[in-house]
Amino acid sequence: MKKRVLIVDDDKFVQDILAMMLSKNYEVIKASNGNEAIEKYLAYKPDLVLMDIEMPQMDGIQATKEILKRDSKAKIVGITAFAPQKGENMIKAGALEVVSKPITKLKLIEVVKRHIE
């Protein structure tokens, strides 16, 4: 069975690009904001969450905290164009690491494998 990856990003284009990079090897689920991320996490129990930080409604930092409250074993990686400023808060919230956008396919697959293989 393929491992599941939840991609959370308010930018549909970014969601689609990341999904395209991963869909050959992983089952991909998408969410557009923090609230949806929590719902989909609970519904699908993905092996890894790729969480954008800057999003409307609920940002990735808050969503990370909420998911980890419900499942302390959740694996979440922050993905952001604002890594230096926001990355530290994402790690404090419980993310395993934070990677910068734009991200190459090679780097993305390396990050995913590191946490779920």
PDB file of N, CA and C in Angstrom:
ATOM      1  N   MET A   1       0.827  -1.203   0.000  1.00  0.00           N
ATOM      2  CA  MET A   1       0.000   0.000   0.000  1.00  0.00           C
ATOM      3  C   MET A   1       0.864   1.256   0.000  1.00  0.00           C
ATOM      4  N   LYS A   2       0.462   2.227  -0.803  1.00  0.00           N
ATOM      5  CA  LYS A   2       1.221   3.482  -0.859  1.00  0.00           C
ATOM      6  C   LYS A   2       1.069   4.268   0.444  1.00  0.00           C
ATOM      7  N   LYS A   3       2.141   4.934   0.837  1.00  0.00           N
ATOM      8  CA  LYS A   3       2.084   5.827   1.996  1.00  0.00           C
ATOM      9  C   LYS A   3       1.297   7.066   1.569  1.00  0.00           C
ATOM     10  N   ARG A   4       0.634   7.696   2.550  1.00  0.00           N
ATOM     11  CA  ARG A   4      -0.188   8.877   2.275  1.00  0.00           C
ATOM     12  C   ARG A   4       0.507  10.159   2.687  1.00  0.00           C
ATOM     13  N   VAL A   5       0.411  11.160   1.824  1.00  0.00           N
ATOM     14  CA  VAL A   5       0.956  12.482   2.121  1.00  0.00           C
ATOM     15  C   VAL A   5      -0.166  13.507   1.966  1.00  0.00           C
ATOM     16  N   LEU A   6      -0.346  14.311   2.998  1.00  0.00           N
ATOM     17  CA  LEU A   6      -1.321  15.408   2.955  1.00  0.00           C
ATOM     18  C   LEU A   6      -0.575  16.691   2.620  1.00  0.00           C
ATOM     19  N   ILE A   7      -0.961  17.325   1.526  1.00  0.00           N
ATOM     20  CA  ILE A   7      -0.355  18.591   1.108  1.00  0.00           C
ATOM     21  C   ILE A   7      -1.313  19.711   1.488  1.00  0.00           C
ATOM     22  N   VAL A   8      -0.822  20.640   2.302  1.00  0.00           N
ATOM     23  CA  VAL A   8      -1.655  21.758   2.756  1.00  0.00           C
ATOM     24  C   VAL A   8      -1.054  23.055   2.238  1.00  0.00           C
ATOM     25  N   ASP A   9      -1.771  23.727   1.348  1.00  0.00           N
ATOM     26  CA  ASP A   9      -1.306  25.006   0.799  1.00  0.00           C
ATOM     27  C   ASP A   9      -2.510  25.764   0.263  1.00  0.00           C
ATOM     28  N   ASP A  10      -2.564  27.052   0.528  1.00  0.00           N
ATOM     29  CA  ASP A  10      -3.697  27.848   0.041  1.00  0.00           C
ATOM     30  C   ASP A  10      -3.567  28.164  -1.450  1.00  0.00           C
ATOM     31  N   ASP A  11      -2.402  27.901  -2.032  1.00  0.00           N
ATOM     32  CA  ASP A  11      -2.187  28.141  -3.450  1.00  0.00           C
ATOM     33  C   ASP A  11      -2.414  26.826  -4.217  1.00  0.00           C
ATOM     34  N   LYS A  12      -3.500  26.789  -4.991  1.00  0.00           N
ATOM     35  CA  LYS A  12      -3.887  25.588  -5.736  1.00  0.00           C
ATOM     36  C   LYS A  12      -2.764  25.127  -6.665  1.00  0.00           C
ATOM     37  N   PHE A  13      -2.072  26.095  -7.267  1.00  0.00           N
ATOM     38  CA  PHE A  13      -0.969  25.780  -8.185  1.00  0.00           C
ATOM     39  C   PHE A  13       0.142  25.029  -7.437  1.00  0.00           C
ATOM     40  N   VAL A  14       0.498  25.503  -6.254  1.00  0.00           N
ATOM     41  CA  VAL A  14       1.540  24.857  -5.451  1.00  0.00           C
ATOM     42  C   VAL A  14       1.078  23.448  -5.055  1.00  0.00           C
ATOM     43  N   GLN A  15      -0.175  23.331  -4.630  1.00  0.00           N
ATOM     44  CA  GLN A  15      -0.736  22.008  -4.295  1.00  0.00           C
ATOM     45  C   GLN A  15      -0.551  21.040  -5.459  1.00  0.00           C
ATOM     46  N   ASP A  16      -0.939  21.498  -6.647  1.00  0.00           N
ATOM     47  CA  ASP A  16      -0.890  20.642  -7.832  1.00  0.00           C
ATOM     48  C   ASP A  16       0.539  20.251  -8.207  1.00  0.00           C
ATOM     49  N   ILE A  17       1.463  21.201  -8.108  1.00  0.00           N
ATOM     50  CA  ILE A  17       2.868  20.920  -8.429  1.00  0.00           C
ATOM     51  C   ILE A  17       3.434  19.880  -7.459  1.00  0.00           C
ATOM     52  N   LEU A  18       3.227  20.098  -6.152  1.00  0.00           N
ATOM     53  CA  LEU A  18       3.735  19.154  -5.157  1.00  0.00           C
ATOM     54  C   LEU A  18       3.087  17.780  -5.340  1.00  0.00           C
ATOM     55  N   ALA A  19       1.787  17.769  -5.601  1.00  0.00           N
ATOM     56  CA  ALA A  19       1.075  16.510  -5.813  1.00  0.00           C
ATOM     57  C   ALA A  19       1.636  15.770  -7.021  1.00  0.00           C
ATOM     58  N   MET A  20       1.910  16.513  -8.076  1.00  0.00           N
ATOM     59  CA  MET A  20       2.451  15.917  -9.291  1.00  0.00           C
ATOM     60  C   MET A  20       3.820  15.272  -8.998  1.00  0.00           C
ATOM     61  N   MET A  21       4.638  15.953  -8.210  1.00  0.00           N
ATOM     62  CA  MET A  21       5.963  15.446  -7.867  1.00  0.00           C
ATOM     63  C   MET A  21       5.894  14.154  -7.044  1.00  0.00           C
ATOM     64  N   LEU A  22       4.848  14.008  -6.249  1.00  0.00           N
ATOM     65  CA  LEU A  22       4.764  12.886  -5.317  1.00  0.00           C
ATOM     66  C   LEU A  22       3.824  11.754  -5.729  1.00  0.00           C
ATOM     67  N   SER A  23       2.889  12.037  -6.631  1.00  0.00           N
ATOM     68  CA  SER A  23       1.802  11.079  -6.876  1.00  0.00           C
ATOM     69  C   SER A  23       2.236   9.735  -7.455  1.00  0.00           C
ATOM     70  N   LYS A  24       3.408   9.667  -8.049  1.00  0.00           N
ATOM     71  CA  LYS A  24       3.874   8.393  -8.591  1.00  0.00           C
ATOM     72  C   LYS A  24       4.142   7.401  -7.448  1.00  0.00           C
ATOM     73  N   ASN A  25       4.686   7.893  -6.350  1.00  0.00           N
ATOM     74  CA  ASN A  25       5.096   7.010  -5.251  1.00  0.00           C
ATOM     75  C   ASN A  25       4.219   7.064  -4.007  1.00  0.00           C
ATOM     76  N   TYR A  26       3.353   8.070  -3.936  1.00  0.00           N
ATOM     77  CA  TYR A  26       2.550   8.257  -2.723  1.00  0.00           C
ATOM     78  C   TYR A  26       1.106   8.568  -3.071  1.00  0.00           C
ATOM     79  N   GLU A  27       0.216   8.223  -2.145  1.00  0.00           N
ATOM     80  CA  GLU A  27      -1.177   8.649  -2.272  1.00  0.00           C
ATOM     81  C   GLU A  27      -1.216  10.080  -1.737  1.00  0.00           C
ATOM     82  N   VAL A  28      -1.730  10.998  -2.535  1.00  0.00           N
ATOM     83  CA  VAL A  28      -1.712  12.412  -2.157  1.00  0.00           C
ATOM     84  C   VAL A  28      -3.121  12.916  -1.844  1.00  0.00           C
ATOM     85  N   ILE A  29      -3.236  13.625  -0.722  1.00  0.00           N
ATOM     86  CA  ILE A  29      -4.486  14.272  -0.317  1.00  0.00           C
ATOM     87  C   ILE A  29      -4.152  15.757  -0.222  1.00  0.00           C
ATOM     88  N   LYS A  30      -5.101  16.613  -0.577  1.00  0.00           N
ATOM     89  CA  LYS A  30      -4.833  18.055  -0.565  1.00  0.00           C
ATOM     90  C   LYS A  30      -5.810  18.798   0.340  1.00  0.00           C
ATOM     91  N   ALA A  31      -5.293  19.863   0.964  1.00  0.00           N
ATOM     92  CA  ALA A  31      -6.117  20.757   1.772  1.00  0.00           C
ATOM     93  C   ALA A  31      -5.660  22.188   1.493  1.00  0.00           C
ATOM     94  N   SER A  32      -6.603  23.141   1.616  1.00  0.00           N
ATOM     95  CA  SER A  32      -6.307  24.530   1.248  1.00  0.00           C
ATOM     96  C   SER A  32      -6.076  25.467   2.423  1.00  0.00           C
ATOM     97  N   ASN A  33      -6.365  25.004   3.647  1.00  0.00           N
ATOM     98  CA  ASN A  33      -6.134  25.860   4.817  1.00  0.00           C
ATOM     99  C   ASN A  33      -6.003  24.985   6.059  1.00  0.00           C
ATOM    100  N   GLY A  34      -5.705  25.599   7.179  1.00  0.00           N
ATOM    101  CA  GLY A  34      -5.487  24.865   8.416  1.00  0.00           C
ATOM    102  C   GLY A  34      -6.682  24.064   8.891  1.00  0.00           C
ATOM    103  N   ASN A  35      -7.871  24.653   8.781  1.00  0.00           N
ATOM    104  CA  ASN A  35      -9.081  23.943   9.217  1.00  0.00           C
ATOM    105  C   ASN A  35      -9.286  22.668   8.406  1.00  0.00           C
ATOM    106  N   GLU A  36      -9.137  22.802   7.096  1.00  0.00           N
ATOM    107  CA  GLU A  36      -9.298  21.663   6.203  1.00  0.00           C
ATOM    108  C   GLU A  36      -8.196  20.630   6.469  1.00  0.00           C
ATOM    109  N   ALA A  37      -7.007  21.104   6.793  1.00  0.00           N
ATOM    110  CA  ALA A  37      -5.884  20.205   7.094  1.00  0.00           C
ATOM    111  C   ALA A  37      -6.216  19.304   8.282  1.00  0.00           C
ATOM    112  N   ILE A  38      -6.790  19.876   9.313  1.00  0.00           N
ATOM    113  CA  ILE A  38      -7.154  19.103  10.508  1.00  0.00           C
ATOM    114  C   ILE A  38      -8.217  18.063  10.155  1.00  0.00           C
ATOM    115  N   GLU A  39      -9.256  18.495   9.443  1.00  0.00           N
ATOM    116  CA  GLU A  39     -10.325  17.574   9.027  1.00  0.00           C
ATOM    117  C   GLU A  39      -9.775  16.416   8.214  1.00  0.00           C
ATOM    118  N   LYS A  40      -8.948  16.737   7.209  1.00  0.00           N
ATOM    119  CA  LYS A  40      -8.418  15.696   6.323  1.00  0.00           C
ATOM    120  C   LYS A  40      -7.415  14.820   7.069  1.00  0.00           C
ATOM    121  N   TYR A  41      -6.662  15.405   7.985  1.00  0.00           N
ATOM    122  CA  TYR A  41      -5.727  14.594   8.771  1.00  0.00           C
ATOM    123  C   TYR A  41      -6.498  13.535   9.560  1.00  0.00           C
ATOM    124  N   LEU A  42      -7.545  13.963  10.233  1.00  0.00           N
ATOM    125  CA  LEU A  42      -8.332  13.040  11.048  1.00  0.00           C
ATOM    126  C   LEU A  42      -9.047  11.994  10.194  1.00  0.00           C
ATOM    127  N   ALA A  43      -9.486  12.396   9.009  1.00  0.00           N
ATOM    128  CA  ALA A  43     -10.212  11.479   8.129  1.00  0.00           C
ATOM    129  C   ALA A  43      -9.285  10.447   7.466  1.00  0.00           C
ATOM    130  N   TYR A  44      -8.087  10.873   7.051  1.00  0.00           N
ATOM    131  CA  TYR A  44      -7.215  10.005   6.254  1.00  0.00           C
ATOM    132  C   TYR A  44      -5.973   9.503   6.975  1.00  0.00           C
ATOM    133  N   LYS A  45      -5.641  10.068   8.138  1.00  0.00           N
ATOM    134  CA  LYS A  45      -4.442   9.671   8.891  1.00  0.00           C
ATOM    135  C   LYS A  45      -3.210   9.509   7.984  1.00  0.00           C
ATOM    136  N   PRO A  46      -2.792  10.586   7.321  1.00  0.00           N
ATOM    137  CA  PRO A  46      -1.644  10.468   6.413  1.00  0.00           C
ATOM    138  C   PRO A  46      -0.347  10.156   7.173  1.00  0.00           C
ATOM    139  N   ASP A  47       0.616   9.599   6.458  1.00  0.00           N
ATOM    140  CA  ASP A  47       1.911   9.269   7.051  1.00  0.00           C
ATOM    141  C   ASP A  47       2.765  10.518   7.235  1.00  0.00           C
ATOM    142  N   LEU A  48       2.485  11.550   6.426  1.00  0.00           N
ATOM    143  CA  LEU A  48       3.239  12.804   6.517  1.00  0.00           C
ATOM    144  C   LEU A  48       2.354  13.957   6.058  1.00  0.00           C
ATOM    145  N   VAL A  49       2.530  15.106   6.695  1.00  0.00           N
ATOM    146  CA  VAL A  49       1.830  16.324   6.288  1.00  0.00           C
ATOM    147  C   VAL A  49       2.869  17.337   5.821  1.00  0.00           C
ATOM    148  N   LEU A  50       2.676  17.885   4.631  1.00  0.00           N
ATOM    149  CA  LEU A  50       3.499  18.983   4.135  1.00  0.00           C
ATOM    150  C   LEU A  50       2.656  20.236   4.315  1.00  0.00           C
ATOM    151  N   MET A  51       3.039  21.064   5.280  1.00  0.00           N
ATOM    152  CA  MET A  51       2.201  22.171   5.738  1.00  0.00           C
ATOM    153  C   MET A  51       2.776  23.530   5.358  1.00  0.00           C
ATOM    154  N   ASP A  52       2.028  24.261   4.535  1.00  0.00           N
ATOM    155  CA  ASP A  52       2.386  25.651   4.256  1.00  0.00           C
ATOM    156  C   ASP A  52       2.204  26.417   5.566  1.00  0.00           C
ATOM    157  N   ILE A  53       2.948  27.490   5.752  1.00  0.00           N
ATOM    158  CA  ILE A  53       2.820  28.239   7.003  1.00  0.00           C
ATOM    159  C   ILE A  53       1.844  29.403   6.860  1.00  0.00           C
ATOM    160  N   GLU A  54       2.020  30.192   5.818  1.00  0.00           N
ATOM    161  CA  GLU A  54       1.171  31.371   5.618  1.00  0.00           C
ATOM    162  C   GLU A  54      -0.109  31.007   4.867  1.00  0.00           C
ATOM    163  N   MET A  55      -1.232  30.962   5.586  1.00  0.00           N
ATOM    164  CA  MET A  55      -2.521  30.663   4.954  1.00  0.00           C
ATOM    165  C   MET A  55      -3.621  31.458   5.638  1.00  0.00           C
ATOM    166  N   PRO A  56      -4.709  31.747   4.897  1.00  0.00           N
ATOM    167  CA  PRO A  56      -5.838  32.438   5.528  1.00  0.00           C
ATOM    168  C   PRO A  56      -6.596  31.491   6.467  1.00  0.00           C
ATOM    169  N   GLN A  57      -7.489  32.023   7.257  1.00  0.00           N
ATOM    170  CA  GLN A  57      -8.319  31.285   8.230  1.00  0.00           C
ATOM    171  C   GLN A  57      -7.502  30.743   9.389  1.00  0.00           C
ATOM    172  N   MET A  58      -6.668  29.739   9.133  1.00  0.00           N
ATOM    173  CA  MET A  58      -5.798  29.204  10.175  1.00  0.00           C
ATOM    174  C   MET A  58      -4.439  28.921   9.543  1.00  0.00           C
ATOM    175  N   ASP A  59      -3.382  29.510  10.103  1.00  0.00           N
ATOM    176  CA  ASP A  59      -2.062  29.297   9.502  1.00  0.00           C
ATOM    177  C   ASP A  59      -1.510  27.912   9.851  1.00  0.00           C
ATOM    178  N   GLY A  60      -0.401  27.571   9.224  1.00  0.00           N
ATOM    179  CA  GLY A  60       0.203  26.260   9.397  1.00  0.00           C
ATOM    180  C   GLY A  60       0.715  26.004  10.805  1.00  0.00           C
ATOM    181  N   ILE A  61       1.115  27.055  11.488  1.00  0.00           N
ATOM    182  CA  ILE A  61       1.617  26.903  12.862  1.00  0.00           C
ATOM    183  C   ILE A  61       0.492  26.437  13.773  1.00  0.00           C
ATOM    184  N   GLN A  62      -0.651  27.108  13.702  1.00  0.00           N
ATOM    185  CA  GLN A  62      -1.807  26.738  14.515  1.00  0.00           C
ATOM    186  C   GLN A  62      -2.330  25.353  14.129  1.00  0.00           C
ATOM    187  N   ALA A  63      -2.396  25.087  12.832  1.00  0.00           N
ATOM    188  CA  ALA A  63      -2.883  23.785  12.360  1.00  0.00           C
ATOM    189  C   ALA A  63      -1.972  22.655  12.843  1.00  0.00           C
ATOM    190  N   THR A  64      -0.670  22.911  12.839  1.00  0.00           N
ATOM    191  CA  THR A  64       0.297  21.912  13.327  1.00  0.00           C
ATOM    192  C   THR A  64       0.030  21.603  14.791  1.00  0.00           C
ATOM    193  N   LYS A  65      -0.150  22.647  15.598  1.00  0.00           N
ATOM    194  CA  LYS A  65      -0.446  22.451  17.027  1.00  0.00           C
ATOM    195  C   LYS A  65      -1.724  21.647  17.221  1.00  0.00           C
ATOM    196  N   GLU A  66      -2.762  21.985  16.439  1.00  0.00           N
ATOM    197  CA  GLU A  66      -4.049  21.306  16.568  1.00  0.00           C
ATOM    198  C   GLU A  66      -3.970  19.832  16.173  1.00  0.00           C
ATOM    199  N   ILE A  67      -3.262  19.549  15.099  1.00  0.00           N
ATOM    200  CA  ILE A  67      -3.117  18.153  14.666  1.00  0.00           C
ATOM    201  C   ILE A  67      -2.348  17.359  15.722  1.00  0.00           C
ATOM    202  N   LEU A  68      -1.274  17.932  16.236  1.00  0.00           N
ATOM    203  CA  LEU A  68      -0.463  17.227  17.234  1.00  0.00           C
ATOM    204  C   LEU A  68      -1.200  17.030  18.557  1.00  0.00           C
ATOM    205  N   LYS A  69      -2.142  17.918  18.869  1.00  0.00           N
ATOM    206  CA  LYS A  69      -2.978  17.733  20.064  1.00  0.00           C
ATOM    207  C   LYS A  69      -3.816  16.464  19.917  1.00  0.00           C
ATOM    208  N   ARG A  70      -4.277  16.223  18.690  1.00  0.00           N
ATOM    209  CA  ARG A  70      -5.145  15.079  18.419  1.00  0.00           C
ATOM    210  C   ARG A  70      -4.369  13.795  18.155  1.00  0.00           C
ATOM    211  N   ASP A  71      -3.147  13.937  17.633  1.00  0.00           N
ATOM    212  CA  ASP A  71      -2.304  12.779  17.347  1.00  0.00           C
ATOM    213  C   ASP A  71      -0.845  13.174  17.553  1.00  0.00           C
ATOM    214  N   SER A  72      -0.313  12.811  18.704  1.00  0.00           N
ATOM    215  CA  SER A  72       1.053  13.220  19.061  1.00  0.00           C
ATOM    216  C   SER A  72       2.112  12.587  18.156  1.00  0.00           C
ATOM    217  N   LYS A  73       1.729  11.563  17.405  1.00  0.00           N
ATOM    218  CA  LYS A  73       2.690  10.908  16.513  1.00  0.00           C
ATOM    219  C   LYS A  73       2.654  11.465  15.087  1.00  0.00           C
ATOM    220  N   ALA A  74       1.814  12.453  14.847  1.00  0.00           N
ATOM    221  CA  ALA A  74       1.721  13.043  13.505  1.00  0.00           C
ATOM    222  C   ALA A  74       3.084  13.562  13.062  1.00  0.00           C
ATOM    223  N   LYS A  75       3.383  13.350  11.791  1.00  0.00           N
ATOM    224  CA  LYS A  75       4.642  13.846  11.223  1.00  0.00           C
ATOM    225  C   LYS A  75       4.303  15.002  10.299  1.00  0.00           C
ATOM    226  N   ILE A  76       4.823  16.175  10.649  1.00  0.00           N
ATOM    227  CA  ILE A  76       4.500  17.392   9.894  1.00  0.00           C
ATOM    228  C   ILE A  76       5.788  18.111   9.508  1.00  0.00           C
ATOM    229  N   VAL A  77       5.874  18.486   8.238  1.00  0.00           N
ATOM    230  CA  VAL A  77       7.009  19.254   7.736  1.00  0.00           C
ATOM    231  C   VAL A  77       6.461  20.579   7.230  1.00  0.00           C
ATOM    232  N   GLY A  78       7.038  21.670   7.692  1.00  0.00           N
ATOM    233  CA  GLY A  78       6.638  22.995   7.232  1.00  0.00           C
ATOM    234  C   GLY A  78       7.254  23.292   5.875  1.00  0.00           C
ATOM    235  N   ILE A  79       6.476  23.921   5.019  1.00  0.00           N
ATOM    236  CA  ILE A  79       6.981  24.369   3.722  1.00  0.00           C
ATOM    237  C   ILE A  79       6.599  25.831   3.581  1.00  0.00           C
ATOM    238  N   THR A  80       7.606  26.678   3.344  1.00  0.00           N
ATOM    239  CA  THR A  80       7.306  28.107   3.300  1.00  0.00           C
ATOM    240  C   THR A  80       8.303  28.891   2.476  1.00  0.00           C
ATOM    241  N   ALA A  81       7.850  30.020   1.984  1.00  0.00           N
ATOM    242  CA  ALA A  81       8.747  30.959   1.312  1.00  0.00           C
ATOM    243  C   ALA A  81       9.352  31.899   2.355  1.00  0.00           C
ATOM    244  N   PHE A  82       8.880  31.790   3.604  1.00  0.00           N
ATOM    245  CA  PHE A  82       9.341  32.678   4.673  1.00  0.00           C
ATOM    246  C   PHE A  82      10.091  31.902   5.756  1.00  0.00           C
ATOM    247  N   ALA A  83      10.892  30.912   5.345  1.00  0.00           N
ATOM    248  CA  ALA A  83      11.537  30.002   6.297  1.00  0.00           C
ATOM    249  C   ALA A  83      12.266  30.684   7.462  1.00  0.00           C
ATOM    250  N   PRO A  84      13.154  31.634   7.212  1.00  0.00           N
ATOM    251  CA  PRO A  84      13.893  32.177   8.366  1.00  0.00           C
ATOM    252  C   PRO A  84      12.993  32.813   9.424  1.00  0.00           C
ATOM    253  N   GLN A  85      12.015  33.613   8.989  1.00  0.00           N
ATOM    254  CA  GLN A  85      11.152  34.301   9.938  1.00  0.00           C
ATOM    255  C   GLN A  85      10.173  33.349  10.629  1.00  0.00           C
ATOM    256  N   LYS A  86       9.524  32.501   9.860  1.00  0.00           N
ATOM    257  CA  LYS A  86       8.431  31.680  10.379  1.00  0.00           C
ATOM    258  C   LYS A  86       8.864  30.273  10.786  1.00  0.00           C
ATOM    259  N   GLY A  87       9.980  29.829  10.251  1.00  0.00           N
ATOM    260  CA  GLY A  87      10.424  28.461  10.471  1.00  0.00           C
ATOM    261  C   GLY A  87      10.582  28.089  11.926  1.00  0.00           C
ATOM    262  N   GLU A  88      11.166  28.993  12.697  1.00  0.00           N
ATOM    263  CA  GLU A  88      11.400  28.733  14.118  1.00  0.00           C
ATOM    264  C   GLU A  88      10.086  28.479  14.857  1.00  0.00           C
ATOM    265  N   ASN A  89       9.066  29.268  14.557  1.00  0.00           N
ATOM    266  CA  ASN A  89       7.753  29.083  15.193  1.00  0.00           C
ATOM    267  C   ASN A  89       7.113  27.761  14.779  1.00  0.00           C
ATOM    268  N   MET A  90       7.369  27.366  13.540  1.00  0.00           N
ATOM    269  CA  MET A  90       6.832  26.103  13.040  1.00  0.00           C
ATOM    270  C   MET A  90       7.482  24.930  13.791  1.00  0.00           C
ATOM    271  N   ILE A  91       8.783  25.011  14.016  1.00  0.00           N
ATOM    272  CA  ILE A  91       9.502  23.961  14.756  1.00  0.00           C
ATOM    273  C   ILE A  91       8.994  23.918  16.205  1.00  0.00           C
ATOM    274  N   LYS A  92       8.819  25.092  16.804  1.00  0.00           N
ATOM    275  CA  LYS A  92       8.294  25.165  18.175  1.00  0.00           C
ATOM    276  C   LYS A  92       6.901  24.543  18.262  1.00  0.00           C
ATOM    277  N   ALA A  93       6.126  24.673  17.191  1.00  0.00           N
ATOM    278  CA  ALA A  93       4.766  24.112  17.159  1.00  0.00           C
ATOM    279  C   ALA A  93       4.795  22.585  17.047  1.00  0.00           C
ATOM    280  N   GLY A  94       5.945  22.034  16.632  1.00  0.00           N
ATOM    281  CA  GLY A  94       6.071  20.585  16.565  1.00  0.00           C
ATOM    282  C   GLY A  94       6.452  20.006  15.217  1.00  0.00           C
ATOM    283  N   ALA A  95       6.718  20.869  14.229  1.00  0.00           N
ATOM    284  CA  ALA A  95       7.129  20.360  12.914  1.00  0.00           C
ATOM    285  C   ALA A  95       8.500  19.695  13.017  1.00  0.00           C
ATOM    286  N   LEU A  96       8.715  18.673  12.217  1.00  0.00           N
ATOM    287  CA  LEU A  96       9.985  17.947  12.211  1.00  0.00           C
ATOM    288  C   LEU A  96      11.088  18.782  11.581  1.00  0.00           C
ATOM    289  N   GLU A  97      10.724  19.542  10.574  1.00  0.00           N
ATOM    290  CA  GLU A  97      11.675  20.432   9.904  1.00  0.00           C
ATOM    291  C   GLU A  97      10.889  21.420   9.051  1.00  0.00           C
ATOM    292  N   VAL A  98      11.589  22.415   8.535  1.00  0.00           N
ATOM    293  CA  VAL A  98      10.958  23.399   7.660  1.00  0.00           C
ATOM    294  C   VAL A  98      11.815  23.505   6.405  1.00  0.00           C
ATOM    295  N   VAL A  99      11.176  23.392   5.252  1.00  0.00           N
ATOM    296  CA  VAL A  99      11.886  23.533   3.985  1.00  0.00           C
ATOM    297  C   VAL A  99      11.370  24.765   3.248  1.00  0.00           C
ATOM    298  N   SER A 100      12.264  25.351   2.465  1.00  0.00           N
ATOM    299  CA  SER A 100      11.926  26.584   1.753  1.00  0.00           C
ATOM    300  C   SER A 100      11.307  26.317   0.400  1.00  0.00           C
ATOM    301  N   LYS A 101      10.370  27.192   0.039  1.00  0.00           N
ATOM    302  CA  LYS A 101       9.842  27.223  -1.328  1.00  0.00           C
ATOM    303  C   LYS A 101      10.715  28.200  -2.089  1.00  0.00           C
ATOM    304  N   PRO A 102      10.869  28.034  -3.372  1.00  0.00           N
ATOM    305  CA  PRO A 102      10.435  26.873  -4.149  1.00  0.00           C
ATOM    306  C   PRO A 102      11.282  25.647  -3.803  1.00  0.00           C
ATOM    307  N   ILE A 103      10.683  24.464  -3.958  1.00  0.00           N
ATOM    308  CA  ILE A 103      11.376  23.225  -3.624  1.00  0.00           C
ATOM    309  C   ILE A 103      11.486  22.367  -4.883  1.00  0.00           C
ATOM    310  N   THR A 104      12.649  21.774  -5.087  1.00  0.00           N
ATOM    311  CA  THR A 104      12.831  20.913  -6.256  1.00  0.00           C
ATOM    312  C   THR A 104      12.210  19.550  -5.983  1.00  0.00           C
ATOM    313  N   LYS A 105      11.930  18.818  -7.044  1.00  0.00           N
ATOM    314  CA  LYS A 105      11.354  17.481  -6.907  1.00  0.00           C
ATOM    315  C   LYS A 105      12.305  16.588  -6.109  1.00  0.00           C
ATOM    316  N   LEU A 106      13.593  16.677  -6.413  1.00  0.00           N
ATOM    317  CA  LEU A 106      14.595  15.871  -5.732  1.00  0.00           C
ATOM    318  C   LEU A 106      14.589  16.134  -4.227  1.00  0.00           C
ATOM    319  N   LYS A 107      14.593  17.403  -3.863  1.00  0.00           N
ATOM    320  CA  LYS A 107      14.593  17.796  -2.451  1.00  0.00           C
ATOM    321  C   LYS A 107      13.292  17.340  -1.770  1.00  0.00           C
ATOM    322  N   LEU A 108      12.167  17.527  -2.445  1.00  0.00           N
ATOM    323  CA  LEU A 108      10.873  17.144  -1.884  1.00  0.00           C
ATOM    324  C   LEU A 108      10.828  15.650  -1.586  1.00  0.00           C
ATOM    325  N   ILE A 109      11.235  14.845  -2.545  1.00  0.00           N
ATOM    326  CA  ILE A 109      11.210  13.393  -2.363  1.00  0.00           C
ATOM    327  C   ILE A 109      12.170  12.979  -1.247  1.00  0.00           C
ATOM    328  N   GLU A 110      13.319  13.629  -1.180  1.00  0.00           N
ATOM    329  CA  GLU A 110      14.293  13.352  -0.124  1.00  0.00           C
ATOM    330  C   GLU A 110      13.691  13.636   1.263  1.00  0.00           C
ATOM    331  N   VAL A 111      13.005  14.753   1.396  1.00  0.00           N
ATOM    332  CA  VAL A 111      12.370  15.133   2.663  1.00  0.00           C
ATOM    333  C   VAL A 111      11.274  14.127   3.029  1.00  0.00           C
ATOM    334  N   VAL A 112      10.424  13.785   2.079  1.00  0.00           N
ATOM    335  CA  VAL A 112       9.331  12.847   2.340  1.00  0.00           C
ATOM    336  C   VAL A 112       9.896  11.484   2.763  1.00  0.00           C
ATOM    337  N   LYS A 113      10.873  10.981   2.004  1.00  0.00           N
ATOM    338  CA  LYS A 113      11.476   9.680   2.319  1.00  0.00           C
ATOM    339  C   LYS A 113      12.097   9.686   3.714  1.00  0.00           C
ATOM    340  N   ARG A 114      12.767  10.775   4.042  1.00  0.00           N
ATOM    341  CA  ARG A 114      13.457  10.863   5.337  1.00  0.00           C
ATOM    342  C   ARG A 114      12.476  10.639   6.501  1.00  0.00           C
ATOM    343  N   HIS A 115      11.255  11.088   6.326  1.00  0.00           N
ATOM    344  CA  HIS A 115      10.304  11.008   7.433  1.00  0.00           C
ATOM    345  C   HIS A 115       9.345   9.831   7.386  1.00  0.00           C
ATOM    346  N   ILE A 116       9.159   9.206   6.225  1.00  0.00           N
ATOM    347  CA  ILE A 116       8.175   8.108   6.225  1.00  0.00           C
ATOM    348  C   ILE A 116       8.650   6.783   5.637  1.00  0.00           C
ATOM    349  N   GLU A 117       9.881   6.687   5.226  1.00  0.00           N
ATOM    350  CA  GLU A 117      10.322   5.386   4.679  1.00  0.00           C
ATOM    351  C   GLU A 117      10.914   4.531   5.782  1.00  0.00           C
TER     352      GLU A 117
END
